[in-house]
Amino acid sequence: MFATKQPVLFVSHGGGPLPLLGDPSHDDMIRKFREIREHLNLHFPKPNAIIYISAHHWLRLFLS
């Protein structure tokens, strides 16, 4: 079985929660995310895993 190369995406979280709340000022960003999803679904097989990396994390060491 041969692995299919998948694209690498950087997705900024700059919109905060407003895109999820339906804020009209983020309509273009939501539309672009839908276009990306449709393109990926059309041209690439569903991945077996997704790697998510974030600089935002909680550690008990920093919460004490």
N, C-alpha and C. Protein backbone atom coordinates (compact mmCIF):
# COMPACT_ATOMS: atom_id res chain seq x y z
N MET A 1 0.84 -1.19 0.00
CA MET A 1 0.00 0.00 0.00
C MET A 1 0.89 1.25 0.00
N PHE A 2 0.59 2.19 -0.86
CA PHE A 2 1.36 3.42 -0.96
C PHE A 2 0.62 4.56 -0.27
N ALA A 3 1.36 5.37 0.45
CA ALA A 3 0.78 6.53 1.12
C ALA A 3 0.56 7.65 0.12
N THR A 4 -0.52 8.37 0.28
CA THR A 4 -0.80 9.54 -0.54
C THR A 4 -0.35 10.77 0.22
N LYS A 5 0.44 11.60 -0.41
CA LYS A 5 0.86 12.84 0.25
C LYS A 5 -0.35 13.73 0.44
N GLN A 6 -0.41 14.32 1.60
CA GLN A 6 -1.50 15.23 1.93
C GLN A 6 -0.95 16.66 2.01
N PRO A 7 -1.79 17.65 1.77
CA PRO A 7 -1.33 19.03 1.88
C PRO A 7 -1.12 19.42 3.35
N VAL A 8 -0.29 20.43 3.54
CA VAL A 8 -0.06 21.00 4.86
C VAL A 8 -0.75 22.35 4.88
N LEU A 9 -1.52 22.61 5.91
CA LEU A 9 -2.26 23.87 6.01
C LEU A 9 -1.87 24.62 7.27
N PHE A 10 -1.72 25.92 7.16
CA PHE A 10 -1.61 26.80 8.33
C PHE A 10 -2.92 27.54 8.41
N VAL A 11 -3.61 27.40 9.53
CA VAL A 11 -4.89 28.08 9.71
C VAL A 11 -4.78 28.98 10.93
N SER A 12 -4.84 30.26 10.69
CA SER A 12 -4.75 31.22 11.78
C SER A 12 -6.05 31.26 12.57
N HIS A 13 -5.93 31.51 13.85
CA HIS A 13 -7.12 31.63 14.70
C HIS A 13 -7.47 33.09 14.93
N GLY A 14 -7.00 33.98 14.08
CA GLY A 14 -7.16 35.40 14.27
C GLY A 14 -8.58 35.90 14.42
N GLY A 15 -9.56 35.13 14.03
CA GLY A 15 -10.94 35.59 14.13
C GLY A 15 -11.56 35.44 15.50
N GLY A 16 -10.83 34.82 16.42
CA GLY A 16 -11.42 34.57 17.75
C GLY A 16 -12.67 33.72 17.60
N PRO A 17 -13.64 33.86 18.49
CA PRO A 17 -14.85 33.04 18.39
C PRO A 17 -15.88 33.61 17.41
N LEU A 18 -15.64 34.80 16.88
CA LEU A 18 -16.67 35.45 16.06
C LEU A 18 -17.09 34.65 14.83
N PRO A 19 -16.17 33.97 14.11
CA PRO A 19 -16.64 33.16 12.98
C PRO A 19 -17.60 32.06 13.41
N LEU A 20 -17.35 31.47 14.57
CA LEU A 20 -18.23 30.41 15.06
C LEU A 20 -19.57 30.95 15.52
N LEU A 21 -19.60 32.23 15.85
CA LEU A 21 -20.84 32.85 16.32
C LEU A 21 -21.64 33.49 15.19
N GLY A 22 -21.14 33.35 13.97
CA GLY A 22 -21.88 33.86 12.81
C GLY A 22 -21.74 35.36 12.60
N ASP A 23 -20.69 35.95 13.09
CA ASP A 23 -20.48 37.38 12.90
C ASP A 23 -20.31 37.68 11.41
N PRO A 24 -21.11 38.58 10.86
CA PRO A 24 -21.07 38.86 9.42
C PRO A 24 -19.72 39.38 8.92
N SER A 25 -18.93 39.99 9.78
CA SER A 25 -17.64 40.52 9.34
C SER A 25 -16.64 39.40 9.02
N HIS A 26 -16.99 38.16 9.36
CA HIS A 26 -16.12 37.02 9.09
C HIS A 26 -16.67 36.11 7.98
N ASP A 27 -17.67 36.58 7.26
CA ASP A 27 -18.28 35.76 6.20
C ASP A 27 -17.26 35.33 5.14
N ASP A 28 -16.35 36.24 4.76
CA ASP A 28 -15.34 35.89 3.74
C ASP A 28 -14.43 34.77 4.23
N MET A 29 -14.04 34.80 5.50
CA MET A 29 -13.17 33.77 6.04
C MET A 29 -13.89 32.43 6.08
N ILE A 30 -15.14 32.41 6.51
CA ILE A 30 -15.93 31.18 6.55
C ILE A 30 -16.10 30.63 5.13
N ARG A 31 -16.38 31.49 4.18
CA ARG A 31 -16.55 31.07 2.79
C ARG A 31 -15.25 30.44 2.27
N LYS A 32 -14.11 31.05 2.58
CA LYS A 32 -12.82 30.52 2.12
C LYS A 32 -12.54 29.16 2.77
N PHE A 33 -12.85 29.00 4.06
CA PHE A 33 -12.66 27.71 4.72
C PHE A 33 -13.52 26.63 4.05
N ARG A 34 -14.74 26.99 3.66
CA ARG A 34 -15.60 26.02 2.96
C ARG A 34 -15.00 25.64 1.60
N GLU A 35 -14.45 26.63 0.89
CA GLU A 35 -13.82 26.35 -0.40
C GLU A 35 -12.63 25.41 -0.23
N ILE A 36 -11.83 25.65 0.80
CA ILE A 36 -10.68 24.78 1.07
C ILE A 36 -11.16 23.37 1.37
N ARG A 37 -12.18 23.24 2.21
CA ARG A 37 -12.71 21.91 2.56
C ARG A 37 -13.20 21.19 1.31
N GLU A 38 -13.94 21.88 0.45
CA GLU A 38 -14.45 21.25 -0.77
C GLU A 38 -13.31 20.81 -1.69
N HIS A 39 -12.28 21.65 -1.80
CA HIS A 39 -11.12 21.30 -2.63
C HIS A 39 -10.42 20.06 -2.08
N LEU A 40 -10.20 20.03 -0.77
CA LEU A 40 -9.52 18.88 -0.17
C LEU A 40 -10.35 17.61 -0.35
N ASN A 41 -11.66 17.70 -0.13
CA ASN A 41 -12.52 16.52 -0.29
C ASN A 41 -12.54 16.01 -1.72
N LEU A 42 -12.40 16.91 -2.67
CA LEU A 42 -12.44 16.53 -4.07
C LEU A 42 -11.12 15.92 -4.56
N HIS A 43 -10.00 16.42 -4.05
CA HIS A 43 -8.70 16.06 -4.61
C HIS A 43 -7.84 15.15 -3.74
N PHE A 44 -8.23 14.90 -2.50
CA PHE A 44 -7.40 14.10 -1.60
C PHE A 44 -8.26 13.12 -0.83
N PRO A 45 -7.71 11.93 -0.53
CA PRO A 45 -8.47 11.00 0.30
C PRO A 45 -8.52 11.50 1.74
N LYS A 46 -9.49 11.02 2.48
CA LYS A 46 -9.63 11.41 3.88
C LYS A 46 -8.39 10.94 4.65
N PRO A 47 -7.75 11.83 5.43
CA PRO A 47 -6.54 11.41 6.15
C PRO A 47 -6.88 10.46 7.29
N ASN A 48 -5.90 9.65 7.66
CA ASN A 48 -6.06 8.76 8.81
C ASN A 48 -5.86 9.50 10.12
N ALA A 49 -5.14 10.60 10.08
CA ALA A 49 -4.86 11.38 11.28
C ALA A 49 -4.62 12.82 10.90
N ILE A 50 -4.77 13.70 11.86
CA ILE A 50 -4.49 15.12 11.68
C ILE A 50 -3.58 15.55 12.82
N ILE A 51 -2.51 16.24 12.49
CA ILE A 51 -1.62 16.78 13.52
C ILE A 51 -2.02 18.24 13.75
N TYR A 52 -2.28 18.55 14.99
CA TYR A 52 -2.69 19.90 15.37
C TYR A 52 -1.64 20.44 16.34
N ILE A 53 -1.07 21.58 16.02
CA ILE A 53 -0.04 22.19 16.87
C ILE A 53 -0.52 23.58 17.27
N SER A 54 -0.44 23.87 18.55
CA SER A 54 -0.87 25.17 19.05
C SER A 54 0.13 25.67 20.09
N ALA A 55 0.34 26.96 20.12
CA ALA A 55 1.18 27.57 21.15
C ALA A 55 0.37 27.81 22.43
N HIS A 56 -0.90 27.58 22.40
CA HIS A 56 -1.76 27.80 23.55
C HIS A 56 -1.98 26.48 24.28
N HIS A 57 -1.55 26.43 25.51
CA HIS A 57 -1.71 25.21 26.29
C HIS A 57 -1.75 25.55 27.78
N TRP A 58 -2.23 24.63 28.55
CA TRP A 58 -2.33 24.80 29.99
C TRP A 58 -1.49 23.74 30.68
N LEU A 59 -0.65 24.16 31.57
CA LEU A 59 0.12 23.23 32.39
C LEU A 59 -0.07 23.61 33.85
N ARG A 60 -0.24 22.61 34.70
CA ARG A 60 -0.43 22.89 36.12
C ARG A 60 0.72 23.73 36.67
N LEU A 61 1.94 23.52 36.16
CA LEU A 61 3.10 24.28 36.60
C LEU A 61 2.85 25.78 36.49
N PHE A 62 2.19 26.21 35.41
CA PHE A 62 1.95 27.63 35.19
C PHE A 62 0.68 28.13 35.87
N LEU A 63 -0.19 27.23 36.27
CA LEU A 63 -1.43 27.63 36.90
C LEU A 63 -1.29 27.78 38.41
N SER A 64 -0.23 27.27 38.99
CA SER A 64 -0.04 27.30 40.45
C SER A 64 0.33 28.68 40.94
